Protein backbone atom coordinates (compact mmCIF):
# COMPACT_ATOMS: atom_id res chain seq x y z
CA UNK A 1 123.38 72.98 88.94
CA UNK A 2 120.13 73.53 86.91
CA UNK A 3 116.87 73.76 88.70
CA UNK A 4 113.36 72.84 87.34
CA UNK A 5 110.61 74.13 89.72
CA UNK A 6 106.78 72.85 88.42
CA UNK A 7 104.16 75.35 88.87
CA UNK A 8 100.20 74.81 88.72
CA UNK A 9 99.12 78.05 90.46
CA UNK A 10 98.57 76.40 93.82
CA UNK A 11 99.91 77.09 97.17
CA UNK A 12 102.05 74.19 97.27
CA UNK A 13 103.69 75.19 94.08
CA UNK A 14 104.06 78.75 95.88
CA UNK A 15 106.36 77.01 98.32
CA UNK A 16 108.13 75.04 95.53
CA UNK A 17 108.79 78.68 93.94
CA UNK A 18 110.15 80.08 97.74
CA UNK A 19 112.52 76.77 98.21
CA UNK A 20 113.87 77.56 94.64
CA UNK A 21 114.62 81.00 95.86
CA UNK A 22 116.12 79.54 99.02
CA UNK A 23 118.37 77.23 97.07
CA UNK A 24 119.51 80.19 94.35
CA UNK A 25 120.92 81.93 97.20
CA UNK A 26 123.00 79.01 99.00
CA UNK A 27 124.24 77.32 95.94
CA UNK A 28 125.88 77.65 92.72
CA UNK A 29 122.81 77.61 90.34
CA UNK A 30 123.80 78.01 86.69
CA UNK A 31 119.96 77.71 85.15
CA UNK A 32 116.46 78.07 86.68
CA UNK A 33 113.59 77.13 84.65
CA UNK A 34 109.92 77.51 85.55
CA UNK A 35 107.54 74.88 84.16
CA UNK A 36 103.76 74.36 83.63
CA UNK A 37 101.96 71.01 82.28
CA UNK A 38 98.59 71.00 81.27
CA UNK A 39 96.14 68.80 79.96
CA UNK A 40 93.33 70.07 77.74
CA UNK A 41 90.12 68.89 78.48
CA UNK A 42 88.61 66.70 76.09
CA UNK A 43 85.02 66.39 74.93
CA UNK A 44 83.69 63.28 76.39
CA UNK A 45 80.57 62.71 74.25
CA UNK A 46 82.10 62.97 70.69
CA UNK A 47 83.01 60.02 69.44
CA UNK A 48 84.10 61.50 65.74
CA UNK A 49 84.10 65.09 64.20
CA UNK A 50 80.97 63.97 62.10
CA UNK A 51 78.64 63.51 65.20
CA UNK A 52 79.82 66.54 67.09
CA UNK A 53 77.54 69.45 67.90
CA UNK A 54 79.46 72.65 66.50
CA UNK A 55 77.75 74.77 69.24
CA UNK A 56 78.78 72.32 71.79
CA UNK A 57 82.09 71.93 70.53
CA UNK A 58 82.72 75.74 70.26
CA UNK A 59 81.61 76.35 73.91
CA UNK A 60 84.06 73.63 74.62
CA UNK A 61 86.82 75.08 72.54
CA UNK A 62 86.33 78.34 74.25
CA UNK A 63 86.57 76.82 77.67
CA UNK A 64 90.03 75.03 76.61
CA UNK A 65 91.08 78.33 75.47
CA UNK A 66 90.10 80.43 79.11
CA UNK A 67 92.20 77.52 80.74
CA UNK A 68 94.96 78.05 78.48
CA UNK A 69 95.01 81.59 79.33
CA UNK A 70 94.56 80.98 83.04
CA UNK A 71 97.58 78.39 82.76
CA UNK A 72 99.72 81.48 81.22
CA UNK A 73 98.72 83.60 83.86
CA UNK A 74 99.96 80.92 86.67
CA UNK A 75 103.03 80.62 84.72
CA UNK A 76 103.98 84.68 84.09
CA UNK A 77 103.20 85.31 87.75
CA UNK A 78 105.57 81.97 88.89
CA UNK A 79 108.09 83.54 86.65
CA UNK A 80 107.78 87.36 88.22
CA UNK A 81 108.25 85.94 91.75
CA UNK A 82 111.49 84.55 90.79
CA UNK A 83 112.29 87.91 88.65
CA UNK A 84 111.39 89.78 91.64
CA UNK A 85 114.28 87.88 93.68
CA UNK A 86 116.94 88.27 91.20
CA UNK A 87 116.38 85.19 89.61
CA UNK A 88 116.00 85.38 85.35
CA UNK A 89 114.03 81.80 84.85
CA UNK A 90 113.10 80.10 81.51
CA UNK A 91 109.90 79.67 81.04
CA UNK A 92 108.37 76.55 79.86
CA UNK A 93 104.84 75.32 79.13
CA UNK A 94 103.96 72.46 77.85
CA UNK A 95 101.03 70.07 76.93
CA UNK A 96 100.79 66.54 77.99
CA UNK A 97 100.17 64.15 81.00
CA UNK A 98 101.97 66.31 83.95
CA UNK A 99 104.15 63.53 85.49
CA UNK A 100 105.65 62.19 82.28
CA UNK A 101 106.35 65.54 80.83
CA UNK A 102 108.14 66.81 83.60
CA UNK A 103 110.47 63.64 83.57
CA UNK A 104 110.87 63.95 79.67
CA UNK A 105 111.85 67.47 80.10
CA UNK A 106 114.19 67.08 83.30
CA UNK A 107 116.06 64.29 81.73
CA UNK A 108 116.23 65.81 78.06
CA UNK A 109 117.45 69.12 79.06
CA UNK A 110 119.87 67.48 82.04
CA UNK A 111 118.16 69.23 85.03
CA UNK A 112 119.89 67.92 88.00
CA UNK A 113 116.79 68.68 90.29
CA UNK A 114 113.15 68.91 89.76
CA UNK A 115 111.50 70.95 92.42
CA UNK A 116 107.26 70.27 93.01
CA UNK A 117 104.81 71.04 95.79
CA UNK A 118 103.57 67.99 97.57
CA UNK A 119 100.06 68.56 96.52
CA UNK A 120 98.66 70.42 93.25
CA UNK A 121 95.36 72.17 92.33
CA UNK A 122 93.29 68.91 92.88
CA UNK A 123 93.27 69.49 96.73
CA UNK A 124 93.53 65.88 97.67
CA UNK A 125 94.53 65.95 101.26
CA UNK A 126 93.95 62.54 102.07
CA UNK A 127 97.58 61.24 100.78
CA UNK A 128 101.07 62.18 101.48
CA UNK A 129 102.11 63.05 98.06
CA UNK A 130 99.70 64.39 95.47
CA UNK A 131 99.31 61.91 92.64
CA UNK A 132 101.37 64.31 90.19
CA UNK A 133 104.51 64.61 92.54
CA UNK A 134 104.11 61.01 93.47
CA UNK A 135 104.27 60.24 89.67
CA UNK A 136 107.19 62.35 88.86
CA UNK A 137 109.25 60.38 91.08
CA UNK A 138 108.09 57.30 89.88
CA UNK A 139 108.90 58.23 86.09
CA UNK A 140 112.11 59.89 86.38
CA UNK A 141 115.73 59.29 87.21
CA UNK A 142 116.30 62.99 88.00
CA UNK A 143 116.49 63.67 91.85
CA UNK A 144 113.15 65.53 92.84
CA UNK A 145 112.73 67.63 95.89
CA UNK A 146 109.06 67.41 97.10
CA UNK A 147 108.04 70.73 99.11
CA UNK A 148 105.38 70.58 101.79
């Protein structure tokens, strides 16, 4: 069985990691991958490169670089948590729309189960499922375990 656990640095993704460890100890697991999908923040005021203010764009690019570093830390911390439990995960970082990218990777690589937190970093507490976990369920034919 191949497991794909999706993380974003939230408490819910920590629960997904814990569930992955639990499943790995009780089942025959051939492969575990830990994955983080991010979207760069687009600069909303620039219609073309010709109209951009280079100082503003430099600041915006710096912000995206810092976000990338934060995402890399989240992913490495998650992989370390699995390694500390005797699991040697593949580490996957992708840029794109999270739900679609998760579904594409799961199906292309033949994962049997996607493990994802019920809510992510957006902190929306009003719905039963977060927008990404709900969209993953809709976007994939792979089984999904939503951990709450």
